[in-house]
Amino acid sequence: MNSSPPPESKDRYSSAVRELLIFLKAPRPGAVKTRLVEAIGDSLATALYRSLTNAVIGATRPGHGGDFRRVLCFAPNDAGAEISQWFPGEALEPQEGSDLGARMHRAFVNSFGRGSEATVLIGTDCLTLKGDVVAAAYQALETADVVLRSAEDGGYTLIGLREPQPALFSLIEWSTDTVLAVTLAHASKAGLSVSVHGLDADIDTVDDLRRHFATVRAFLDDSVARRIEGLL
């Protein structure tokens, strides 16, 4: 007896190429977590950034959210050696573009140029981004043109596409509380179907850090955690 599942029950992308793109920066003091520097200083802001990034990289390894290949998209573009030393063995690609939207669009174009049929892009500011979240995004892309995870600050923590969508990355004021709303408006105008998940917390500001410090603390070295806690 043939016990294999009927074709319609199979994952549309089970044999397709999927990619996970992770945007990250070289952990250079003064260049990461800049909105936290005034409150906790360059050194602790950099240590926090390293810890959050380590957590997201560790929780999204291929196999933890299905079968996909992972590419770390780094900035600035001279940081390849630093990122390679930090995360040896990972596929790396420099970010290209004049602003965040241009860099994300270019990363998607490159991904689909490599043959991906479903690509998800995330950053490293949100501890919710784990393997099950990545898997859910790929599943949503089976029927939606775009998948997003909303953030508490009005932006998004994840975006997934099945093909390049330049309209989603232009005419947007990045790092504002209108990013998600404007992105959804652009998607609607382009006739794209969208699946929205979340609400996630990005750790960008002092208020974010205060509200979510109990969660963040578990990923910090104890000495770093005590020093930050004393400044909040």
Foldseek 3Di string as FASTA:
>chain_A
DDPDDDPVPDQPCQPFAEEEEEEDEQLDFPPALVQCCVQQHRVLRSQLRLLLQVLLCVQAPAVLQHHYAYEYAYPDPVCPVRVCVSPPPHHYHYFDDDDPLNRVLVVQQVVVVVGGQKYKYFYRQFNVNGNNVNNVLSSVVSPFQKEFEAEPQQATGMIMGRHRDSQLRPPADPPHNPNVVVSVVSCVVVVTGYHYHDHTYGPRHPVSCVVCVVVSVVSHDVVSSVSSVVRD
